[in-house]
């Protein structure tokens, strides 16, 4: 990705809405509708709809992506997609048992993703979400997250190069060993941003696995107004987890990391702050819900939309993680 970003696309609109998916999908400019947990409709009801297997306590909200043009959708092999020619929503789900484990499933998913995007009018991947079961299960290099990262890195070769998108990887808690990967791509490329307070994930030392995670801390999209896609952000300084066992302190550390990341965005002429953010909050332990909600109310500007989801963060000592997009309101 280039060192500067040119505003070539209209901004994506992201919102949380308590509206039936059928009503949302009737709108011609809806690119994607995401439902969360067991309360959301299941099944392949539309290529633009995806049920995410993370529970959202006390919330019956759907995440809605809207674009400026009319959307067409379809299926190609294992991939479902929707696009208006400017943006693309894509999703692939891999049954691990059919591929021999998480390493092979993630390799196959990312190879398919790259092949699909390379031949499309929207070849620039801005943002990826990955949800997999038992993410921290296994010892040493056999830990499932490390195996996922190794498979992802192998699958990225030949398409991504060293240009990494923003990304999130969270453990689904329903026990289903189905790797779910969905992404946002665009006609134009953005600018990957790193956080000077954190070591770039792709430079992590060997202790984090045979292949380090391949993602940027954030992605500055080529839009007007400017939008910043935040990767899953946890209480990590350098490459070391902070405040083991203390959810409130970890949440404070996350907001410090986001503040520093916003200062990095400012060097590219983009003013980013949480007053224009839409956020997802991933919480490992339901017992921490009250602590997390209190911290969010204390840290976030009034009216900031956020969705709390139960899921395992990719290190056992980490209790909470935040991702989202800034500049959508």
Protein backbone atom coordinates (compact mmCIF):
# COMPACT_ATOMS: atom_id res chain seq x y z
CA UNK A 1 0.00 0.00 0.00
CA UNK A 2 1.21 3.50 -0.73
CA UNK A 3 2.49 5.84 1.97
CA UNK A 4 -0.41 8.21 1.38
CA UNK A 5 -4.06 7.59 0.78
CA UNK A 6 -6.17 9.25 -1.90
CA UNK A 7 -9.86 9.73 -1.26
CA UNK A 8 -11.43 7.87 -4.19
CA UNK A 9 -14.47 6.19 -2.64
CA UNK A 10 -17.57 7.29 -0.82
CA UNK A 11 -17.46 6.30 2.82
CA UNK A 12 -19.03 3.04 3.94
CA UNK A 13 -21.92 3.41 6.37
CA UNK A 14 -21.93 1.04 9.37
CA UNK A 15 -24.73 0.92 11.94
CA UNK A 16 -26.38 -1.31 14.53
CA UNK A 17 -30.12 -1.63 13.98
CA UNK A 18 -33.00 -3.57 15.54
CA UNK A 19 -34.71 -4.25 12.23
CA UNK A 20 -35.56 -7.61 10.68
CA UNK A 21 -32.96 -8.82 8.15
CA UNK A 22 -35.61 -9.27 5.45
CA UNK A 23 -36.49 -5.58 5.72
CA UNK A 24 -32.85 -4.53 5.61
CA UNK A 25 -32.03 -6.78 2.67
CA UNK A 26 -34.86 -5.23 0.67
CA UNK A 27 -32.82 -2.02 0.46
CA UNK A 28 -30.83 -1.95 -2.80
CA UNK A 29 -27.75 -0.31 -1.25
CA UNK A 30 -27.29 -2.75 1.66
CA UNK A 31 -23.96 -4.53 1.18
CA UNK A 32 -24.09 -6.77 4.26
CA UNK A 33 -26.23 -7.63 7.27
CA UNK A 34 -24.62 -9.44 10.21
CA UNK A 35 -26.66 -11.15 12.92
CA UNK A 36 -25.11 -12.32 16.17
CA UNK A 37 -25.60 -15.40 18.29
CA UNK A 38 -28.34 -17.99 18.55
CA UNK A 39 -31.14 -15.41 18.41
CA UNK A 40 -30.18 -14.32 14.89
CA UNK A 41 -31.64 -16.13 11.86
CA UNK A 42 -29.48 -18.97 10.62
CA UNK A 43 -28.91 -20.38 7.18
CA UNK A 44 -27.96 -19.08 3.75
CA UNK A 45 -30.95 -16.78 3.37
CA UNK A 46 -29.12 -14.25 1.18
CA UNK A 47 -25.46 -13.88 0.10
CA UNK A 48 -25.43 -10.54 1.92
CA UNK A 49 -26.50 -12.02 5.25
CA UNK A 50 -24.26 -13.77 7.77
CA UNK A 51 -25.00 -15.20 11.19
CA UNK A 52 -21.93 -14.69 13.39
CA UNK A 53 -21.62 -17.37 16.11
CA UNK A 54 -20.94 -14.98 19.00
CA UNK A 55 -23.62 -14.24 21.56
CA UNK A 56 -24.62 -10.64 22.20
CA UNK A 57 -26.14 -10.44 25.70
CA UNK A 58 -29.23 -8.31 26.02
CA UNK A 59 -28.93 -6.94 22.49
CA UNK A 60 -30.90 -7.97 19.41
CA UNK A 61 -29.05 -5.79 16.93
CA UNK A 62 -27.93 -6.35 13.38
CA UNK A 63 -24.81 -4.78 11.94
CA UNK A 64 -25.62 -3.15 8.61
CA UNK A 65 -23.18 -2.02 5.91
CA UNK A 66 -24.54 0.42 3.33
CA UNK A 67 -22.90 1.76 0.19
CA UNK A 68 -23.81 4.50 -2.27
CA UNK A 69 -24.64 2.27 -5.25
CA UNK A 70 -26.96 -0.61 -5.96
CA UNK A 71 -25.66 -3.98 -4.79
CA UNK A 72 -25.58 -7.27 -6.68
CA UNK A 73 -24.73 -10.55 -5.01
CA UNK A 74 -23.92 -14.15 -5.75
CA UNK A 75 -21.91 -17.25 -4.98
CA UNK A 76 -18.71 -18.59 -6.44
CA UNK A 77 -17.58 -21.93 -5.09
CA UNK A 78 -17.47 -21.71 -1.30
CA UNK A 79 -17.59 -17.91 -1.32
CA UNK A 80 -20.70 -15.77 -0.96
CA UNK A 81 -20.31 -12.15 -1.97
CA UNK A 82 -22.03 -8.83 -2.60
CA UNK A 83 -20.70 -5.74 -4.36
CA UNK A 84 -21.63 -2.38 -5.79
CA UNK A 85 -18.43 -2.19 -7.85
CA UNK A 86 -16.78 0.04 -5.25
CA UNK A 87 -16.90 -2.25 -2.21
CA UNK A 88 -17.24 -5.98 -1.75
CA UNK A 89 -18.47 -8.08 1.16
CA UNK A 90 -17.24 -11.65 1.05
CA UNK A 91 -17.58 -14.66 3.33
CA UNK A 92 -16.18 -18.18 3.37
CA UNK A 93 -16.79 -20.88 5.97
CA UNK A 94 -14.55 -23.94 6.24
CA UNK A 95 -15.41 -27.12 8.11
CA UNK A 96 -12.14 -28.09 9.75
CA UNK A 97 -12.96 -31.80 9.62
CA UNK A 98 -13.13 -31.63 5.82
CA UNK A 99 -9.65 -30.10 5.63
CA UNK A 100 -7.75 -31.98 8.32
CA UNK A 101 -7.60 -29.26 10.96
CA UNK A 102 -7.40 -25.53 11.49
CA UNK A 103 -4.06 -25.05 9.71
CA UNK A 104 -5.28 -26.55 6.45
CA UNK A 105 -8.70 -24.90 6.76
CA UNK A 106 -7.21 -21.43 7.21
CA UNK A 107 -4.75 -21.98 4.36
CA UNK A 108 -7.60 -23.04 2.06
CA UNK A 109 -9.82 -20.15 3.15
CA UNK A 110 -7.16 -17.51 2.54
CA UNK A 111 -6.06 -19.01 -0.74
CA UNK A 112 -9.67 -18.95 -1.94
CA UNK A 113 -10.10 -15.38 -0.66
CA UNK A 114 -6.99 -14.21 -2.51
CA UNK A 115 -7.89 -15.98 -5.75
CA UNK A 116 -11.40 -14.54 -5.65
CA UNK A 117 -10.33 -10.95 -4.94
CA UNK A 118 -7.46 -11.02 -7.45
CA UNK A 119 -9.93 -11.65 -10.26
CA UNK A 120 -12.50 -9.10 -9.13
CA UNK A 121 -13.09 -5.38 -9.64
CA UNK A 122 -12.44 -4.93 -5.90
CA UNK A 123 -8.99 -6.52 -5.35
CA UNK A 124 -7.91 -4.47 -2.31
CA UNK A 125 -8.79 -6.15 0.99
CA UNK A 126 -9.29 -3.55 3.70
CA UNK A 127 -10.58 -5.58 6.63
CA UNK A 128 -10.97 -9.26 7.65
CA UNK A 129 -12.73 -10.98 10.57
CA UNK A 130 -11.86 -14.56 11.62
CA UNK A 131 -13.89 -16.62 14.09
CA UNK A 132 -12.72 -20.10 15.10
CA UNK A 133 -13.46 -22.51 17.93
CA UNK A 134 -11.14 -23.30 20.87
CA UNK A 135 -8.73 -20.57 19.78
CA UNK A 136 -6.27 -21.04 22.67
CA UNK A 137 -6.51 -24.83 22.92
CA UNK A 138 -3.24 -26.78 22.54
CA UNK A 139 0.31 -26.42 23.79
CA UNK A 140 3.28 -24.69 22.20
CA UNK A 141 3.17 -24.57 18.42
CA UNK A 142 0.10 -26.83 18.50
CA UNK A 143 -2.04 -24.05 19.96
CA UNK A 144 -4.92 -23.54 17.58
CA UNK A 145 -4.41 -19.81 17.16
CA UNK A 146 -0.77 -20.39 16.22
CA UNK A 147 -1.83 -23.05 13.73
CA UNK A 148 -4.44 -20.69 12.32
CA UNK A 149 -1.81 -17.96 11.92
CA UNK A 150 0.54 -20.37 10.15
CA UNK A 151 -2.19 -21.46 7.75
CA UNK A 152 -3.29 -17.89 7.16
CA UNK A 153 0.27 -16.79 6.37
CA UNK A 154 0.69 -19.63 3.87
CA UNK A 155 -2.65 -18.85 2.26
CA UNK A 156 -1.77 -15.16 1.95
CA UNK A 157 1.34 -15.82 -0.12
CA UNK A 158 1.05 -14.81 -3.72
CA UNK A 159 -1.70 -12.26 -3.20
CA UNK A 160 -1.18 -10.10 -0.12
CA UNK A 161 2.60 -9.82 -0.21
CA UNK A 162 3.55 -7.51 2.66
CA UNK A 163 0.37 -5.43 2.38
CA UNK A 164 -1.69 -6.57 5.32
CA UNK A 165 -5.28 -5.54 6.01
CA UNK A 166 -6.78 -4.77 9.40
CA UNK A 167 -8.06 -7.95 11.06
CA UNK A 168 -9.66 -9.60 14.07
CA UNK A 169 -9.40 -13.21 15.26
CA UNK A 170 -11.73 -14.31 18.05
CA UNK A 171 -12.70 -17.68 19.46
CA UNK A 172 -16.28 -18.79 18.91
CA UNK A 173 -17.77 -20.42 22.02
CA UNK A 174 -20.35 -22.73 20.45
CA UNK A 175 -17.88 -25.59 19.98
CA UNK A 176 -18.41 -25.76 16.20
CA UNK A 177 -15.07 -26.24 14.46
CA UNK A 178 -16.06 -24.20 11.45
CA UNK A 179 -13.70 -21.40 10.51
CA UNK A 180 -15.69 -18.32 9.52
CA UNK A 181 -13.89 -15.62 7.56
CA UNK A 182 -15.56 -12.52 6.20
CA UNK A 183 -14.06 -9.42 4.70
CA UNK A 184 -14.45 -5.97 3.20
CA UNK A 185 -12.61 -5.24 -0.04
CA UNK A 186 -12.59 -2.17 -2.26
CA UNK A 187 -11.77 -0.94 -5.74
CA UNK A 188 -8.92 1.18 -4.33
CA UNK A 189 -6.21 0.48 -1.79
CA UNK A 190 -5.81 2.14 1.60
CA UNK A 191 -2.89 2.72 3.94
CA UNK A 192 -1.92 0.26 6.65
CA UNK A 193 -1.17 1.91 9.99
CA UNK A 194 0.89 0.61 12.90
CA UNK A 195 0.88 1.63 16.55
CA UNK A 196 4.28 2.88 17.83
CA UNK A 197 3.30 1.61 21.26
CA UNK A 198 2.98 -1.95 19.93
CA UNK A 199 5.31 -4.16 17.95
CA UNK A 200 3.82 -4.86 14.54
CA UNK A 201 2.10 -8.25 14.79
CA UNK A 202 3.92 -9.57 11.71
CA UNK A 203 7.22 -8.92 13.55
CA UNK A 204 6.34 -10.84 16.71
CA UNK A 205 9.14 -13.06 18.07
CA UNK A 206 9.19 -16.82 17.64
CA UNK A 207 7.45 -17.47 20.98
CA UNK A 208 4.16 -16.53 19.32
CA UNK A 209 4.30 -19.32 16.79
CA UNK A 210 6.03 -20.59 13.64
CA UNK A 211 4.45 -17.81 11.55
CA UNK A 212 3.54 -14.49 13.18
CA UNK A 213 0.05 -12.99 12.75
CA UNK A 214 -0.37 -11.20 9.43
CA UNK A 215 -2.38 -8.01 9.94
CA UNK A 216 -1.97 -4.27 10.32
CA UNK A 217 -3.09 -2.49 13.50
CA UNK A 218 -5.47 -0.37 11.43
CA UNK A 219 -6.30 0.46 7.83
CA UNK A 220 -6.93 3.97 6.59
CA UNK A 221 -9.51 3.56 3.84
CA UNK A 222 -9.42 5.59 0.59
CA UNK A 223 -12.64 7.45 1.40
CA UNK A 224 -14.11 10.88 1.77
CA UNK A 225 -14.76 11.51 4.60
CA UNK A 226 -11.85 9.53 5.97
CA UNK A 227 -12.49 6.18 7.64
CA UNK A 228 -10.19 4.16 9.86
CA UNK A 229 -10.75 0.41 10.26
CA UNK A 230 -9.47 -0.78 13.65
CA UNK A 231 -8.04 -4.25 14.07
CA UNK A 232 -8.83 -6.22 17.18
CA UNK A 233 -7.04 -4.21 19.87
CA UNK A 234 -6.11 -5.72 23.22
CA UNK A 235 -4.01 -4.81 26.26
CA UNK A 236 -0.68 -5.46 24.55
CA UNK A 237 2.33 -3.14 24.84
CA UNK A 238 5.27 -4.02 22.64
CA UNK A 239 4.36 -7.68 22.20
CA UNK A 240 3.60 -8.40 25.87
CA UNK A 241 0.14 -8.80 27.41
CA UNK A 242 -0.61 -6.45 30.29
CA UNK A 243 -2.69 -6.70 33.51
CA UNK A 244 -3.36 -10.45 33.55
CA UNK A 245 -6.64 -11.15 35.33
CA UNK A 246 -7.67 -7.48 35.60
CA UNK A 247 -10.35 -6.75 33.02
CA UNK A 248 -10.83 -3.10 33.99
CA UNK A 249 -7.10 -2.37 33.69
CA UNK A 250 -6.96 -4.17 30.35
CA UNK A 251 -9.81 -2.05 29.04
CA UNK A 252 -7.97 1.13 30.10
CA UNK A 253 -4.86 -0.14 28.29
CA UNK A 254 -6.89 -0.72 25.14
CA UNK A 255 -8.11 2.86 25.13
CA UNK A 256 -4.53 4.07 25.57
CA UNK A 257 -3.53 1.99 22.55
CA UNK A 258 -6.39 3.43 20.51
CA UNK A 259 -5.41 6.97 21.47
CA UNK A 260 -1.85 6.37 20.27
CA UNK A 261 -3.15 4.78 17.08
CA UNK A 262 -5.29 7.83 16.40
CA UNK A 263 -2.18 9.98 16.70
CA UNK A 264 -0.58 7.81 14.01
CA UNK A 265 -3.60 8.44 11.79
CA UNK A 266 -3.18 12.18 12.37
CA UNK A 267 0.23 11.98 10.70
CA UNK A 268 -1.66 11.04 7.52
CA UNK A 269 -3.93 14.05 7.87
CA UNK A 270 -6.82 12.07 9.34
CA UNK A 271 -8.48 13.25 12.54
CA UNK A 272 -9.81 10.11 14.23
CA UNK A 273 -11.55 9.92 17.58
CA UNK A 274 -14.10 7.73 19.30
CA UNK A 275 -16.92 10.24 18.92
CA UNK A 276 -17.34 8.98 15.34
CA UNK A 277 -16.78 5.28 15.99
CA UNK A 278 -18.90 2.15 15.79
CA UNK A 279 -17.33 -0.57 17.95
CA UNK A 280 -17.49 -4.28 18.75
CA UNK A 281 -16.38 -5.31 22.24
CA UNK A 282 -15.28 -8.93 22.68
CA UNK A 283 -15.41 -10.27 26.25
CA UNK A 284 -14.04 -13.65 27.30
CA UNK A 285 -15.92 -14.12 30.59
CA UNK A 286 -19.57 -13.17 31.04
CA UNK A 287 -18.76 -12.35 34.69
CA UNK A 288 -16.80 -9.32 33.39
CA UNK A 289 -19.76 -7.84 31.55
CA UNK A 290 -20.61 -5.30 34.29
CA UNK A 291 -16.98 -4.17 34.58
CA UNK A 292 -16.66 -3.78 30.82
CA UNK A 293 -19.91 -1.89 30.43
CA UNK A 294 -18.94 0.50 33.25
CA UNK A 295 -15.60 1.11 31.57
CA UNK A 296 -17.21 1.76 28.20
CA UNK A 297 -19.63 4.28 29.68
CA UNK A 298 -16.69 6.02 31.37
CA UNK A 299 -14.41 6.06 28.31
CA UNK A 300 -16.68 6.52 25.32
CA UNK A 301 -18.43 9.72 24.25
CA UNK A 302 -22.17 9.65 24.87
CA UNK A 303 -24.09 8.00 22.06
CA UNK A 304 -21.19 5.94 20.67
CA UNK A 305 -22.69 2.72 19.25
CA UNK A 306 -21.11 -0.47 20.55
CA UNK A 307 -22.00 -4.13 20.52
CA UNK A 308 -20.80 -6.50 23.23
CA UNK A 309 -20.02 -10.06 22.14
CA UNK A 310 -18.84 -13.07 24.12
CA UNK A 311 -15.76 -14.69 22.60
CA UNK A 312 -12.25 -15.85 23.47
CA UNK A 313 -9.39 -13.46 22.82
CA UNK A 314 -6.37 -15.07 21.16
CA UNK A 315 -4.24 -15.20 24.34
CA UNK A 316 -5.51 -16.91 27.47
CA UNK A 317 -4.50 -14.01 29.72
CA UNK A 318 -6.39 -11.42 27.66
CA UNK A 319 -9.98 -10.81 28.73
CA UNK A 320 -11.28 -8.13 26.39
CA UNK A 321 -10.67 -6.78 22.88
CA UNK A 322 -12.13 -3.97 20.78
CA UNK A 323 -12.40 -3.47 17.03
CA UNK A 324 -14.49 -1.17 14.88
CA UNK A 325 -14.53 1.56 12.32
CA UNK A 326 -14.00 5.27 12.95
CA UNK A 327 -15.44 7.99 10.77
CA UNK A 328 -18.86 6.56 9.93
CA UNK A 329 -21.09 9.05 11.71
